[in-house]
Amino acid sequence: MHHKPTFLAEYDAFCTLRAQDRLAEIDPLWLACFAMTLCLSVNSLSAPVSTPLVSIAATDLEILPWRYFEAAQSALECGDWTGRPRFRTLQAIVLFAPFFLYAGERASAERHQTYIGAALRMAQSMGLHTLGEDPETMPVLS
């Protein structure tokens, strides 16, 4: 769900802004995507991980995905996701889908439907439903 070169460039920019203490310049909607990437990464682990760079205990396997998901929701709110339509908002909501799919009973189907419905309306308002076969031609934003 990521374009790897773009994601890595954005991650480098995030690390640079963080290192320069320019936290106010970090896009909260990108943080939502990043948090969901971490959420899905941890959620896909089948066993604890212990390396020199990261340690994820068995108890973390249950807790961390939900914490990252909640961080993503908070970042969406900070980014005013219901305001101006942005591709980054759509990307974050698309990343919610696999988490909700595998989260089981703890996930709220109503909450997921709210996000998906908003994302569909947003995509339509951006003209993404009119994409043709030419990958070089994007729809005109209204």
N, C-alpha and C. Protein backbone atom coordinates (compact mmCIF):
# COMPACT_ATOMS: atom_id res chain seq x y z
N MET A 1 0.80 -1.19 0.00
CA MET A 1 0.00 0.00 0.00
C MET A 1 0.85 1.26 0.00
N HIS A 2 2.16 1.08 -0.10
CA HIS A 2 3.08 2.21 -0.17
C HIS A 2 3.86 2.13 -1.47
N HIS A 3 4.21 3.29 -2.00
CA HIS A 3 5.21 3.36 -3.05
C HIS A 3 6.54 3.48 -2.30
N LYS A 4 7.32 2.40 -2.32
CA LYS A 4 8.49 2.30 -1.43
C LYS A 4 9.45 3.49 -1.55
N PRO A 5 9.85 3.92 -2.75
CA PRO A 5 10.78 5.07 -2.81
C PRO A 5 10.18 6.34 -2.19
N THR A 6 8.90 6.56 -2.40
CA THR A 6 8.26 7.75 -1.83
C THR A 6 8.19 7.64 -0.31
N PHE A 7 7.79 6.47 0.18
CA PHE A 7 7.69 6.27 1.63
C PHE A 7 9.05 6.47 2.29
N LEU A 8 10.10 5.90 1.71
CA LEU A 8 11.44 6.04 2.29
C LEU A 8 11.91 7.49 2.28
N ALA A 9 11.61 8.23 1.21
CA ALA A 9 11.97 9.65 1.14
C ALA A 9 11.20 10.44 2.21
N GLU A 10 9.93 10.13 2.37
CA GLU A 10 9.13 10.82 3.39
C GLU A 10 9.61 10.45 4.80
N TYR A 11 10.01 9.22 4.98
CA TYR A 11 10.54 8.81 6.29
C TYR A 11 11.85 9.55 6.59
N ASP A 12 12.71 9.68 5.58
CA ASP A 12 13.96 10.44 5.77
C ASP A 12 13.65 11.89 6.12
N ALA A 13 12.67 12.49 5.44
CA ALA A 13 12.29 13.88 5.74
C ALA A 13 11.74 13.98 7.16
N PHE A 14 10.94 13.00 7.58
CA PHE A 14 10.42 12.96 8.95
C PHE A 14 11.57 12.92 9.95
N CYS A 15 12.54 12.04 9.73
CA CYS A 15 13.69 11.92 10.64
C CYS A 15 14.49 13.22 10.69
N THR A 16 14.65 13.88 9.54
CA THR A 16 15.38 15.15 9.50
C THR A 16 14.65 16.22 10.28
N LEU A 17 13.34 16.35 10.06
CA LEU A 17 12.56 17.35 10.80
C LEU A 17 12.61 17.08 12.31
N ARG A 18 12.53 15.80 12.66
CA ARG A 18 12.58 15.43 14.08
C ARG A 18 13.93 15.76 14.69
N ALA A 19 15.01 15.45 13.96
CA ALA A 19 16.36 15.72 14.45
C ALA A 19 16.61 17.22 14.59
N GLN A 20 15.98 18.01 13.75
CA GLN A 20 16.15 19.47 13.79
C GLN A 20 15.13 20.14 14.71
N ASP A 21 14.38 19.33 15.45
CA ASP A 21 13.36 19.84 16.38
C ASP A 21 12.33 20.73 15.68
N ARG A 22 11.95 20.32 14.45
CA ARG A 22 10.94 21.06 13.68
C ARG A 22 9.66 20.22 13.63
N LEU A 23 9.22 19.77 14.78
CA LEU A 23 8.09 18.85 14.89
C LEU A 23 6.79 19.45 14.35
N ALA A 24 6.61 20.75 14.45
CA ALA A 24 5.38 21.39 13.97
C ALA A 24 5.25 21.31 12.45
N GLU A 25 6.33 21.00 11.75
CA GLU A 25 6.30 20.92 10.29
C GLU A 25 5.97 19.51 9.78
N ILE A 26 5.86 18.56 10.68
CA ILE A 26 5.54 17.19 10.27
C ILE A 26 4.04 17.09 10.00
N ASP A 27 3.68 16.57 8.84
CA ASP A 27 2.28 16.45 8.45
C ASP A 27 1.61 15.36 9.30
N PRO A 28 0.58 15.73 10.07
CA PRO A 28 -0.10 14.72 10.90
C PRO A 28 -0.72 13.60 10.07
N LEU A 29 -1.13 13.90 8.85
CA LEU A 29 -1.71 12.84 8.02
C LEU A 29 -0.64 11.83 7.59
N TRP A 30 0.60 12.29 7.41
CA TRP A 30 1.68 11.35 7.14
C TRP A 30 1.94 10.51 8.39
N LEU A 31 1.87 11.15 9.56
CA LEU A 31 2.05 10.40 10.80
C LEU A 31 0.99 9.31 10.94
N ALA A 32 -0.24 9.60 10.48
CA ALA A 32 -1.30 8.58 10.52
C ALA A 32 -0.91 7.38 9.65
N CYS A 33 -0.38 7.65 8.47
CA CYS A 33 0.06 6.56 7.59
C CYS A 33 1.22 5.79 8.21
N PHE A 34 2.16 6.52 8.81
CA PHE A 34 3.31 5.89 9.44
C PHE A 34 2.87 5.02 10.62
N ALA A 35 1.96 5.55 11.45
CA ALA A 35 1.47 4.77 12.59
C ALA A 35 0.75 3.51 12.12
N MET A 36 -0.01 3.62 11.05
CA MET A 36 -0.71 2.43 10.54
C MET A 36 0.27 1.44 9.93
N THR A 37 1.36 1.92 9.36
CA THR A 37 2.39 1.01 8.84
C THR A 37 3.00 0.22 9.99
N LEU A 38 3.29 0.92 11.10
CA LEU A 38 3.81 0.24 12.28
C LEU A 38 2.77 -0.72 12.85
N CYS A 39 1.52 -0.28 12.89
CA CYS A 39 0.42 -1.12 13.40
C CYS A 39 0.33 -2.43 12.63
N LEU A 40 0.31 -2.33 11.31
CA LEU A 40 0.18 -3.53 10.48
C LEU A 40 1.42 -4.40 10.55
N SER A 41 2.58 -3.77 10.70
CA SER A 41 3.83 -4.54 10.82
C SER A 41 3.83 -5.39 12.08
N VAL A 42 3.48 -4.76 13.20
CA VAL A 42 3.46 -5.50 14.47
C VAL A 42 2.32 -6.51 14.46
N ASN A 43 1.18 -6.12 13.90
CA ASN A 43 0.02 -7.00 13.87
C ASN A 43 0.28 -8.28 13.06
N SER A 44 1.21 -8.20 12.11
CA SER A 44 1.50 -9.37 11.27
C SER A 44 2.52 -10.32 11.89
N LEU A 45 3.12 -9.93 13.00
CA LEU A 45 4.10 -10.80 13.65
C LEU A 45 3.40 -11.99 14.31
N SER A 46 3.98 -13.15 14.16
CA SER A 46 3.39 -14.34 14.79
C SER A 46 4.10 -14.74 16.07
N ALA A 47 5.26 -14.11 16.30
CA ALA A 47 6.03 -14.44 17.51
C ALA A 47 6.82 -13.21 17.94
N PRO A 48 7.21 -13.16 19.21
CA PRO A 48 8.03 -12.03 19.68
C PRO A 48 9.31 -11.88 18.86
N VAL A 49 9.85 -10.67 18.86
CA VAL A 49 11.07 -10.37 18.12
C VAL A 49 12.07 -9.73 19.07
N SER A 50 13.31 -10.17 18.99
CA SER A 50 14.36 -9.56 19.79
C SER A 50 15.62 -9.48 18.94
N THR A 51 15.99 -8.26 18.58
CA THR A 51 17.21 -8.00 17.82
C THR A 51 17.93 -6.84 18.51
N PRO A 52 19.14 -6.53 18.09
CA PRO A 52 19.82 -5.38 18.69
C PRO A 52 19.06 -4.05 18.48
N LEU A 53 18.23 -3.96 17.44
CA LEU A 53 17.53 -2.71 17.15
C LEU A 53 16.10 -2.65 17.69
N VAL A 54 15.47 -3.79 17.88
CA VAL A 54 14.06 -3.80 18.30
C VAL A 54 13.79 -5.00 19.18
N SER A 55 12.90 -4.79 20.14
CA SER A 55 12.48 -5.89 20.99
C SER A 55 10.97 -5.78 21.18
N ILE A 56 10.25 -6.78 20.73
CA ILE A 56 8.80 -6.81 20.85
C ILE A 56 8.44 -8.10 21.58
N ALA A 57 7.97 -7.93 22.82
CA ALA A 57 7.61 -9.08 23.66
C ALA A 57 6.25 -9.63 23.27
N ALA A 58 5.92 -10.79 23.79
CA ALA A 58 4.63 -11.43 23.49
C ALA A 58 3.47 -10.54 23.90
N THR A 59 3.57 -9.88 25.05
CA THR A 59 2.48 -8.99 25.49
C THR A 59 2.34 -7.79 24.56
N ASP A 60 3.45 -7.35 23.96
CA ASP A 60 3.41 -6.23 23.01
C ASP A 60 2.63 -6.58 21.74
N LEU A 61 2.63 -7.86 21.39
CA LEU A 61 1.93 -8.27 20.17
C LEU A 61 0.44 -7.99 20.25
N GLU A 62 -0.11 -7.97 21.45
CA GLU A 62 -1.53 -7.67 21.65
C GLU A 62 -1.77 -6.17 21.79
N ILE A 63 -0.87 -5.48 22.45
CA ILE A 63 -1.08 -4.08 22.81
C ILE A 63 -0.65 -3.10 21.72
N LEU A 64 0.54 -3.31 21.15
CA LEU A 64 1.11 -2.33 20.22
C LEU A 64 0.24 -2.03 18.99
N PRO A 65 -0.33 -3.04 18.31
CA PRO A 65 -1.14 -2.68 17.15
C PRO A 65 -2.27 -1.70 17.50
N TRP A 66 -2.91 -1.90 18.63
CA TRP A 66 -3.99 -1.00 19.04
C TRP A 66 -3.47 0.38 19.39
N ARG A 67 -2.31 0.45 20.00
CA ARG A 67 -1.73 1.77 20.33
C ARG A 67 -1.37 2.52 19.05
N TYR A 68 -0.78 1.81 18.09
CA TYR A 68 -0.44 2.46 16.82
C TYR A 68 -1.71 2.88 16.07
N PHE A 69 -2.74 2.04 16.11
CA PHE A 69 -4.01 2.39 15.47
C PHE A 69 -4.60 3.64 16.12
N GLU A 70 -4.61 3.70 17.45
CA GLU A 70 -5.14 4.87 18.14
C GLU A 70 -4.30 6.11 17.84
N ALA A 71 -3.00 5.94 17.71
CA ALA A 71 -2.13 7.07 17.33
C ALA A 71 -2.49 7.56 15.93
N ALA A 72 -2.78 6.63 15.03
CA ALA A 72 -3.16 7.01 13.67
C ALA A 72 -4.48 7.78 13.67
N GLN A 73 -5.43 7.31 14.46
CA GLN A 73 -6.71 8.03 14.57
C GLN A 73 -6.49 9.44 15.10
N SER A 74 -5.67 9.58 16.12
CA SER A 74 -5.37 10.90 16.69
C SER A 74 -4.68 11.79 15.67
N ALA A 75 -3.76 11.22 14.92
CA ALA A 75 -3.05 12.01 13.89
C ALA A 75 -4.03 12.47 12.80
N LEU A 76 -4.99 11.60 12.44
CA LEU A 76 -6.00 12.02 11.46
C LEU A 76 -6.79 13.21 11.99
N GLU A 77 -7.17 13.15 13.25
CA GLU A 77 -7.92 14.27 13.85
C GLU A 77 -7.08 15.54 13.85
N CYS A 78 -5.81 15.43 14.20
CA CYS A 78 -4.93 16.60 14.20
C CYS A 78 -4.75 17.17 12.80
N GLY A 79 -4.81 16.30 11.81
CA GLY A 79 -4.66 16.72 10.42
C GLY A 79 -5.94 17.18 9.77
N ASP A 80 -7.03 17.28 10.57
CA ASP A 80 -8.33 17.71 10.06
C ASP A 80 -8.72 16.90 8.82
N TRP A 81 -8.77 15.59 9.02
CA TRP A 81 -9.00 14.68 7.90
C TRP A 81 -10.35 14.87 7.22
N THR A 82 -11.32 15.44 7.90
CA THR A 82 -12.63 15.66 7.27
C THR A 82 -12.68 16.99 6.54
N GLY A 83 -11.63 17.77 6.62
CA GLY A 83 -11.58 19.06 5.93
C GLY A 83 -11.32 18.86 4.45
N ARG A 84 -10.31 19.52 3.96
CA ARG A 84 -9.94 19.45 2.54
C ARG A 84 -9.53 18.03 2.15
N PRO A 85 -10.09 17.52 1.04
CA PRO A 85 -9.72 16.16 0.59
C PRO A 85 -8.23 16.08 0.26
N ARG A 86 -7.59 15.04 0.80
CA ARG A 86 -6.16 14.83 0.54
C ARG A 86 -5.91 13.35 0.31
N PHE A 87 -5.00 13.07 -0.59
CA PHE A 87 -4.65 11.68 -0.88
C PHE A 87 -4.12 10.98 0.36
N ARG A 88 -3.37 11.70 1.18
CA ARG A 88 -2.78 11.10 2.38
C ARG A 88 -3.88 10.58 3.33
N THR A 89 -5.01 11.30 3.40
CA THR A 89 -6.13 10.83 4.23
C THR A 89 -6.65 9.50 3.69
N LEU A 90 -6.80 9.44 2.37
CA LEU A 90 -7.28 8.19 1.75
C LEU A 90 -6.31 7.05 2.03
N GLN A 91 -5.03 7.33 1.94
CA GLN A 91 -4.03 6.29 2.17
C GLN A 91 -4.12 5.77 3.61
N ALA A 92 -4.26 6.66 4.57
CA ALA A 92 -4.37 6.23 5.97
C ALA A 92 -5.60 5.35 6.16
N ILE A 93 -6.73 5.76 5.58
CA ILE A 93 -7.96 4.99 5.74
C ILE A 93 -7.85 3.63 5.05
N VAL A 94 -7.19 3.59 3.92
CA VAL A 94 -6.98 2.30 3.24
C VAL A 94 -6.13 1.39 4.12
N LEU A 95 -5.18 1.96 4.85
CA LEU A 95 -4.35 1.16 5.76
C LEU A 95 -5.15 0.67 6.97
N PHE A 96 -6.26 1.34 7.28
CA PHE A 96 -7.13 0.86 8.36
C PHE A 96 -7.78 -0.47 8.00
N ALA A 97 -8.11 -0.65 6.73
CA ALA A 97 -8.91 -1.81 6.30
C ALA A 97 -8.33 -3.15 6.73
N PRO A 98 -7.05 -3.45 6.44
CA PRO A 98 -6.55 -4.77 6.87
C PRO A 98 -6.51 -4.92 8.38
N PHE A 99 -6.28 -3.83 9.09
CA PHE A 99 -6.28 -3.91 10.55
C PHE A 99 -7.68 -4.27 11.05
N PHE A 100 -8.69 -3.58 10.56
CA PHE A 100 -10.05 -3.89 10.98
C PHE A 100 -10.44 -5.31 10.58
N LEU A 101 -9.96 -5.75 9.43
CA LEU A 101 -10.29 -7.08 8.95
C LEU A 101 -9.79 -8.16 9.92
N TYR A 102 -8.59 -7.97 10.44
CA TYR A 102 -7.98 -8.99 11.30
C TYR A 102 -8.11 -8.70 12.79
N ALA A 103 -8.66 -7.55 13.15
CA ALA A 103 -8.74 -7.18 14.56
C ALA A 103 -9.83 -7.92 15.30
N GLY A 104 -10.76 -8.50 14.58
CA GLY A 104 -11.80 -9.30 15.23
C GLY A 104 -12.83 -8.46 15.96
N GLU A 105 -13.32 -9.01 17.03
CA GLU A 105 -14.43 -8.40 17.74
C GLU A 105 -14.08 -7.08 18.42
N ARG A 106 -12.81 -6.85 18.68
CA ARG A 106 -12.43 -5.57 19.32
C ARG A 106 -12.64 -4.40 18.38
N ALA A 107 -12.62 -4.65 17.08
CA ALA A 107 -12.79 -3.57 16.11
C ALA A 107 -14.27 -3.27 15.93
N SER A 108 -14.56 -2.03 15.75
CA SER A 108 -15.94 -1.61 15.55
C SER A 108 -16.23 -1.54 14.06
N ALA A 109 -17.17 -2.36 13.62
CA ALA A 109 -17.56 -2.34 12.20
C ALA A 109 -18.15 -0.99 11.83
N GLU A 110 -18.87 -0.38 12.76
CA GLU A 110 -19.47 0.93 12.49
C GLU A 110 -18.40 1.99 12.27
N ARG A 111 -17.34 1.94 13.09
CA ARG A 111 -16.24 2.91 12.94
C ARG A 111 -15.57 2.72 11.58
N HIS A 112 -15.36 1.46 11.21
CA HIS A 112 -14.74 1.18 9.92
C HIS A 112 -15.62 1.66 8.78
N GLN A 113 -16.91 1.44 8.87
CA GLN A 113 -17.84 1.90 7.83
C GLN A 113 -17.83 3.41 7.72
N THR A 114 -17.71 4.10 8.84
CA THR A 114 -17.64 5.56 8.82
C THR A 114 -16.42 6.03 8.04
N TYR A 115 -15.28 5.43 8.33
CA TYR A 115 -14.05 5.81 7.62
C TYR A 115 -14.14 5.47 6.14
N ILE A 116 -14.61 4.28 5.82
CA ILE A 116 -14.69 3.88 4.41
C ILE A 116 -15.67 4.77 3.65
N GLY A 117 -16.82 5.06 4.24
CA GLY A 117 -17.79 5.94 3.59
C GLY A 117 -17.21 7.32 3.33
N ALA A 118 -16.51 7.87 4.32
CA ALA A 118 -15.89 9.18 4.16
C ALA A 118 -14.81 9.13 3.08
N ALA A 119 -14.03 8.06 3.06
CA ALA A 119 -12.97 7.92 2.06
C ALA A 119 -13.54 7.82 0.65
N LEU A 120 -14.64 7.09 0.49
CA LEU A 120 -15.25 6.98 -0.83
C LEU A 120 -15.77 8.33 -1.31
N ARG A 121 -16.44 9.06 -0.43
CA ARG A 121 -16.93 10.39 -0.80
C ARG A 121 -15.77 11.32 -1.14
N MET A 122 -14.69 11.23 -0.36
CA MET A 122 -13.52 12.06 -0.60
C MET A 122 -12.87 11.72 -1.94
N ALA A 123 -12.72 10.43 -2.21
CA ALA A 123 -12.13 10.00 -3.48
C ALA A 123 -12.96 10.49 -4.65
N GLN A 124 -14.27 10.42 -4.53
CA GLN A 124 -15.15 10.91 -5.60
C GLN A 124 -15.00 12.42 -5.77
N SER A 125 -14.93 13.15 -4.64
CA SER A 125 -14.78 14.60 -4.74
C SER A 125 -13.45 14.99 -5.38
N MET A 126 -12.46 14.11 -5.26
CA MET A 126 -11.15 14.34 -5.88
C MET A 126 -11.12 13.88 -7.33
N GLY A 127 -12.20 13.25 -7.77
CA GLY A 127 -12.27 12.78 -9.16
C GLY A 127 -11.56 11.47 -9.41
N LEU A 128 -11.19 10.77 -8.35
CA LEU A 128 -10.45 9.52 -8.54
C LEU A 128 -11.30 8.42 -9.17
N HIS A 129 -12.61 8.57 -9.13
CA HIS A 129 -13.48 7.58 -9.75
C HIS A 129 -13.51 7.76 -11.27
N THR A 130 -12.91 8.83 -11.77
CA THR A 130 -12.90 9.08 -13.22
C THR A 130 -11.57 8.75 -13.87
N LEU A 131 -10.69 8.09 -13.13
CA LEU A 131 -9.40 7.74 -13.71
C LEU A 131 -9.61 6.84 -14.93
N GLY A 132 -8.88 7.14 -15.95
CA GLY A 132 -8.97 6.33 -17.16
C GLY A 132 -7.85 5.32 -17.22
N GLU A 133 -7.57 4.86 -18.41
CA GLU A 133 -6.53 3.84 -18.59
C GLU A 133 -5.13 4.44 -18.74
N ASP A 134 -5.05 5.77 -18.96
CA ASP A 134 -3.76 6.41 -19.14
C ASP A 134 -3.19 6.81 -17.78
N PRO A 135 -2.12 6.13 -17.31
CA PRO A 135 -1.59 6.43 -15.98
C PRO A 135 -0.94 7.81 -15.89
N GLU A 136 -0.71 8.48 -17.03
CA GLU A 136 -0.09 9.79 -17.05
C GLU A 136 -1.13 10.91 -16.87
N THR A 137 -2.40 10.60 -16.99
CA THR A 137 -3.45 11.61 -16.94
C THR A 137 -4.23 11.47 -15.65
N MET A 138 -4.18 12.51 -14.85
CA MET A 138 -4.94 12.52 -13.60
C MET A 138 -6.21 13.33 -13.80
N PRO A 139 -7.23 13.07 -13.00
CA PRO A 139 -8.47 13.85 -13.13
C PRO A 139 -8.26 15.29 -12.70
N VAL A 140 -9.05 16.17 -13.24
CA VAL A 140 -9.00 17.57 -12.84
C VAL A 140 -9.65 17.71 -11.46
N LEU A 141 -8.92 18.33 -10.52
CA LEU A 141 -9.48 18.52 -9.18
C LEU A 141 -10.44 19.69 -9.22
N SER A 142 -11.61 19.48 -8.65
CA SER A 142 -12.60 20.58 -8.66
C SER A 142 -12.51 21.41 -7.41
